[in-house]
Amino acid sequence: MSDESVILINMLKVKPGKQDALVALLRQNTDAVIRTLPGWKTTRLIAARDGAGVVIYSEWETPAAVEAMRGDPRMKAYLPKISELASLDSIMGSAVLSETR
């Protein structure tokens, strides 16, 4: 299974009225930083319809690529900005089921 992607899910609980600002910041970070990192494959931002949260779904080649991203100084510079808008919880794993209609 060494060719399987590593999936990183970040769940952000947004402070009231801050979802649009958070999405803009995450979009900027994805374009400026995430896309440039080795091992990155894809990112999706999912905004809650009620404005209370954002989920970041991303795929990476390896767990080491995720750790390198987390340690990148450019990424670390974004974390305080994100913290001003939302709280963050994160999980890393592999797909165990994927179905499509």
N, C-alpha and C. Protein backbone atom coordinates (compact mmCIF):
# COMPACT_ATOMS: atom_id res chain seq x y z
N MET A 1 0.81 -1.20 0.00
CA MET A 1 0.00 0.00 0.00
C MET A 1 0.85 1.26 0.00
N SER A 2 2.10 1.18 -0.37
CA SER A 2 2.99 2.33 -0.34
C SER A 2 2.60 3.39 -1.36
N ASP A 3 1.76 3.05 -2.33
CA ASP A 3 1.34 4.03 -3.32
C ASP A 3 0.07 4.77 -2.93
N GLU A 4 -0.49 4.48 -1.75
CA GLU A 4 -1.69 5.15 -1.29
C GLU A 4 -1.36 6.53 -0.75
N SER A 5 -2.25 7.47 -0.97
CA SER A 5 -2.09 8.81 -0.43
C SER A 5 -2.31 8.81 1.08
N VAL A 6 -1.65 9.75 1.71
CA VAL A 6 -1.91 10.05 3.11
C VAL A 6 -2.94 11.17 3.10
N ILE A 7 -4.00 11.01 3.87
CA ILE A 7 -5.06 12.00 3.91
C ILE A 7 -4.94 12.78 5.21
N LEU A 8 -4.95 14.09 5.09
CA LEU A 8 -4.92 14.98 6.24
C LEU A 8 -6.24 15.75 6.26
N ILE A 9 -6.95 15.65 7.38
CA ILE A 9 -8.20 16.38 7.56
C ILE A 9 -7.99 17.38 8.70
N ASN A 10 -8.18 18.64 8.39
CA ASN A 10 -8.15 19.69 9.40
C ASN A 10 -9.56 20.22 9.55
N MET A 11 -10.04 20.22 10.79
CA MET A 11 -11.38 20.70 11.08
C MET A 11 -11.25 21.99 11.88
N LEU A 12 -11.77 23.07 11.33
CA LEU A 12 -11.65 24.37 11.97
C LEU A 12 -13.02 24.86 12.42
N LYS A 13 -13.14 25.14 13.69
CA LYS A 13 -14.37 25.72 14.23
C LYS A 13 -14.18 27.23 14.21
N VAL A 14 -15.00 27.90 13.42
CA VAL A 14 -14.82 29.31 13.12
C VAL A 14 -15.49 30.19 14.17
N LYS A 15 -14.79 31.28 14.53
CA LYS A 15 -15.40 32.28 15.40
C LYS A 15 -16.55 32.95 14.63
N PRO A 16 -17.60 33.36 15.33
CA PRO A 16 -18.77 33.92 14.65
C PRO A 16 -18.41 35.05 13.67
N GLY A 17 -18.96 34.93 12.46
CA GLY A 17 -18.76 35.95 11.44
C GLY A 17 -17.41 35.93 10.75
N LYS A 18 -16.59 34.93 11.02
CA LYS A 18 -15.23 34.91 10.49
C LYS A 18 -14.98 33.88 9.38
N GLN A 19 -16.00 33.16 8.96
CA GLN A 19 -15.78 32.08 7.99
C GLN A 19 -15.23 32.60 6.66
N ASP A 20 -15.77 33.68 6.13
CA ASP A 20 -15.29 34.20 4.84
C ASP A 20 -13.83 34.62 4.93
N ALA A 21 -13.45 35.27 6.02
CA ALA A 21 -12.06 35.68 6.21
C ALA A 21 -11.16 34.46 6.32
N LEU A 22 -11.62 33.42 7.02
CA LEU A 22 -10.82 32.21 7.15
C LEU A 22 -10.64 31.53 5.80
N VAL A 23 -11.70 31.40 5.03
CA VAL A 23 -11.60 30.77 3.71
C VAL A 23 -10.62 31.55 2.83
N ALA A 24 -10.68 32.87 2.87
CA ALA A 24 -9.75 33.69 2.08
C ALA A 24 -8.31 33.44 2.51
N LEU A 25 -8.07 33.37 3.80
CA LEU A 25 -6.73 33.11 4.32
C LEU A 25 -6.25 31.72 3.92
N LEU A 26 -7.11 30.72 4.04
CA LEU A 26 -6.73 29.35 3.68
C LEU A 26 -6.46 29.23 2.18
N ARG A 27 -7.25 29.92 1.39
CA ARG A 27 -7.05 29.92 -0.07
C ARG A 27 -5.69 30.54 -0.40
N GLN A 28 -5.38 31.66 0.25
CA GLN A 28 -4.09 32.34 0.04
C GLN A 28 -2.93 31.42 0.45
N ASN A 29 -3.07 30.77 1.60
CA ASN A 29 -2.03 29.86 2.09
C ASN A 29 -1.85 28.68 1.14
N THR A 30 -2.94 28.14 0.63
CA THR A 30 -2.85 27.02 -0.30
C THR A 30 -2.12 27.43 -1.56
N ASP A 31 -2.45 28.59 -2.10
CA ASP A 31 -1.80 29.07 -3.33
C ASP A 31 -0.33 29.42 -3.12
N ALA A 32 -0.03 30.08 -2.01
CA ALA A 32 1.33 30.60 -1.78
C ALA A 32 2.28 29.58 -1.19
N VAL A 33 1.77 28.66 -0.38
CA VAL A 33 2.65 27.75 0.36
C VAL A 33 2.39 26.29 0.01
N ILE A 34 1.20 25.81 0.30
CA ILE A 34 0.90 24.38 0.19
C ILE A 34 1.22 23.83 -1.20
N ARG A 35 0.80 24.53 -2.24
CA ARG A 35 1.01 24.05 -3.63
C ARG A 35 2.49 23.89 -3.97
N THR A 36 3.36 24.58 -3.26
CA THR A 36 4.79 24.56 -3.57
C THR A 36 5.54 23.45 -2.85
N LEU A 37 4.90 22.77 -1.93
CA LEU A 37 5.60 21.81 -1.07
C LEU A 37 5.73 20.43 -1.71
N PRO A 38 6.88 19.81 -1.54
CA PRO A 38 7.06 18.44 -2.05
C PRO A 38 6.08 17.48 -1.37
N GLY A 39 5.52 16.58 -2.16
CA GLY A 39 4.63 15.57 -1.62
C GLY A 39 3.17 15.96 -1.58
N TRP A 40 2.84 17.24 -1.85
CA TRP A 40 1.44 17.67 -1.87
C TRP A 40 0.77 17.17 -3.14
N LYS A 41 -0.47 16.69 -3.00
CA LYS A 41 -1.21 16.19 -4.16
C LYS A 41 -2.47 17.00 -4.45
N THR A 42 -3.29 17.25 -3.43
CA THR A 42 -4.56 17.96 -3.64
C THR A 42 -5.06 18.53 -2.33
N THR A 43 -5.86 19.59 -2.44
CA THR A 43 -6.51 20.20 -1.28
C THR A 43 -7.92 20.61 -1.67
N ARG A 44 -8.86 20.38 -0.76
CA ARG A 44 -10.23 20.87 -0.90
C ARG A 44 -10.59 21.62 0.37
N LEU A 45 -11.22 22.77 0.20
CA LEU A 45 -11.76 23.51 1.34
C LEU A 45 -13.27 23.34 1.31
N ILE A 46 -13.82 22.92 2.44
CA ILE A 46 -15.27 22.71 2.55
C ILE A 46 -15.80 23.64 3.63
N ALA A 47 -16.65 24.59 3.23
CA ALA A 47 -17.21 25.57 4.16
C ALA A 47 -18.60 25.13 4.61
N ALA A 48 -18.83 25.17 5.91
CA ALA A 48 -20.14 24.82 6.45
C ALA A 48 -21.17 25.85 6.00
N ARG A 49 -22.33 25.37 5.65
CA ARG A 49 -23.40 26.28 5.19
C ARG A 49 -23.83 27.25 6.29
N ASP A 50 -23.69 26.83 7.56
CA ASP A 50 -24.11 27.70 8.66
C ASP A 50 -23.03 28.68 9.11
N GLY A 51 -21.87 28.66 8.44
CA GLY A 51 -20.80 29.60 8.76
C GLY A 51 -19.98 29.25 9.98
N ALA A 52 -20.20 28.06 10.53
CA ALA A 52 -19.56 27.71 11.79
C ALA A 52 -18.25 26.93 11.64
N GLY A 53 -17.89 26.54 10.41
CA GLY A 53 -16.68 25.74 10.31
C GLY A 53 -16.19 25.58 8.89
N VAL A 54 -14.95 25.14 8.79
CA VAL A 54 -14.31 24.83 7.52
C VAL A 54 -13.53 23.53 7.71
N VAL A 55 -13.60 22.68 6.72
CA VAL A 55 -12.80 21.45 6.72
C VAL A 55 -11.81 21.57 5.57
N ILE A 56 -10.56 21.24 5.88
CA ILE A 56 -9.52 21.18 4.85
C ILE A 56 -9.22 19.70 4.64
N TYR A 57 -9.48 19.23 3.44
CA TYR A 57 -9.18 17.86 3.04
C TYR A 57 -7.97 17.95 2.11
N SER A 58 -6.88 17.29 2.48
CA SER A 58 -5.72 17.30 1.60
C SER A 58 -5.10 15.92 1.52
N GLU A 59 -4.48 15.66 0.39
CA GLU A 59 -3.78 14.40 0.17
C GLU A 59 -2.30 14.69 -0.05
N TRP A 60 -1.48 13.84 0.54
CA TRP A 60 -0.03 13.95 0.50
C TRP A 60 0.55 12.60 0.13
N GLU A 61 1.74 12.60 -0.41
CA GLU A 61 2.38 11.35 -0.82
C GLU A 61 2.78 10.48 0.36
N THR A 62 3.27 11.09 1.45
CA THR A 62 3.77 10.33 2.60
C THR A 62 3.50 11.08 3.90
N PRO A 63 3.54 10.38 5.04
CA PRO A 63 3.46 11.07 6.33
C PRO A 63 4.61 12.07 6.51
N ALA A 64 5.78 11.74 5.99
CA ALA A 64 6.93 12.66 6.09
C ALA A 64 6.65 13.98 5.38
N ALA A 65 5.92 13.94 4.26
CA ALA A 65 5.56 15.17 3.55
C ALA A 65 4.65 16.04 4.40
N VAL A 66 3.73 15.42 5.14
CA VAL A 66 2.84 16.16 6.03
C VAL A 66 3.66 16.81 7.14
N GLU A 67 4.57 16.06 7.73
CA GLU A 67 5.40 16.60 8.81
C GLU A 67 6.29 17.73 8.31
N ALA A 68 6.83 17.60 7.09
CA ALA A 68 7.65 18.66 6.51
C ALA A 68 6.81 19.92 6.30
N MET A 69 5.57 19.76 5.85
CA MET A 69 4.66 20.90 5.68
C MET A 69 4.43 21.59 7.02
N ARG A 70 4.17 20.81 8.05
CA ARG A 70 3.91 21.38 9.37
C ARG A 70 5.13 22.12 9.92
N GLY A 71 6.31 21.69 9.53
CA GLY A 71 7.54 22.34 10.00
C GLY A 71 8.03 23.48 9.13
N ASP A 72 7.41 23.68 7.98
CA ASP A 72 7.84 24.73 7.06
C ASP A 72 7.62 26.11 7.71
N PRO A 73 8.65 26.97 7.70
CA PRO A 73 8.51 28.29 8.33
C PRO A 73 7.38 29.13 7.74
N ARG A 74 7.11 28.99 6.45
CA ARG A 74 6.01 29.74 5.83
C ARG A 74 4.67 29.27 6.38
N MET A 75 4.56 27.97 6.61
CA MET A 75 3.32 27.43 7.18
C MET A 75 3.15 27.90 8.61
N LYS A 76 4.24 27.85 9.37
CA LYS A 76 4.19 28.29 10.77
C LYS A 76 3.78 29.75 10.87
N ALA A 77 4.13 30.56 9.88
CA ALA A 77 3.76 31.98 9.89
C ALA A 77 2.24 32.17 9.75
N TYR A 78 1.56 31.21 9.12
CA TYR A 78 0.11 31.31 8.95
C TYR A 78 -0.68 30.89 10.20
N LEU A 79 -0.09 30.06 11.03
CA LEU A 79 -0.84 29.50 12.16
C LEU A 79 -1.41 30.55 13.11
N PRO A 80 -0.66 31.59 13.49
CA PRO A 80 -1.28 32.61 14.36
C PRO A 80 -2.45 33.32 13.70
N LYS A 81 -2.37 33.55 12.40
CA LYS A 81 -3.46 34.20 11.67
C LYS A 81 -4.70 33.31 11.67
N ILE A 82 -4.48 32.00 11.47
CA ILE A 82 -5.59 31.05 11.48
C ILE A 82 -6.21 30.99 12.88
N SER A 83 -5.36 30.98 13.91
CA SER A 83 -5.83 30.90 15.30
C SER A 83 -6.69 32.10 15.69
N GLU A 84 -6.47 33.25 15.05
CA GLU A 84 -7.29 34.43 15.33
C GLU A 84 -8.72 34.23 14.85
N LEU A 85 -8.91 33.33 13.88
CA LEU A 85 -10.22 33.15 13.26
C LEU A 85 -10.92 31.85 13.66
N ALA A 86 -10.16 30.85 14.11
CA ALA A 86 -10.76 29.53 14.35
C ALA A 86 -9.89 28.68 15.25
N SER A 87 -10.51 27.65 15.83
CA SER A 87 -9.76 26.62 16.53
C SER A 87 -9.57 25.45 15.57
N LEU A 88 -8.52 24.67 15.77
CA LEU A 88 -8.12 23.64 14.80
C LEU A 88 -7.98 22.29 15.46
N ASP A 89 -8.51 21.27 14.79
CA ASP A 89 -8.29 19.87 15.16
C ASP A 89 -7.89 19.16 13.88
N SER A 90 -7.03 18.14 14.01
CA SER A 90 -6.46 17.52 12.83
C SER A 90 -6.36 16.01 13.00
N ILE A 91 -6.58 15.28 11.89
CA ILE A 91 -6.31 13.84 11.86
C ILE A 91 -5.59 13.50 10.57
N MET A 92 -4.73 12.49 10.64
CA MET A 92 -4.02 12.01 9.46
C MET A 92 -4.30 10.52 9.36
N GLY A 93 -4.60 10.05 8.15
CA GLY A 93 -4.89 8.63 7.98
C GLY A 93 -4.87 8.22 6.52
N SER A 94 -5.45 7.05 6.28
CA SER A 94 -5.56 6.50 4.93
C SER A 94 -7.01 6.14 4.67
N ALA A 95 -7.40 6.21 3.41
CA ALA A 95 -8.77 5.84 3.04
C ALA A 95 -8.95 4.34 3.24
N VAL A 96 -10.04 3.96 3.90
CA VAL A 96 -10.37 2.56 4.06
C VAL A 96 -11.59 2.18 3.23
N LEU A 97 -12.30 3.19 2.72
CA LEU A 97 -13.43 2.97 1.84
C LEU A 97 -13.60 4.21 0.98
N SER A 98 -13.81 4.01 -0.29
CA SER A 98 -14.08 5.12 -1.20
C SER A 98 -15.07 4.61 -2.24
N GLU A 99 -16.27 5.15 -2.20
CA GLU A 99 -17.31 4.75 -3.15
C GLU A 99 -17.80 5.96 -3.91
N THR A 100 -18.15 5.75 -5.12
CA THR A 100 -18.66 6.82 -5.99
C THR A 100 -19.86 6.32 -6.75
N ARG A 101 -20.79 7.19 -6.92
CA ARG A 101 -21.97 6.83 -7.71
C ARG A 101 -21.85 7.38 -9.09
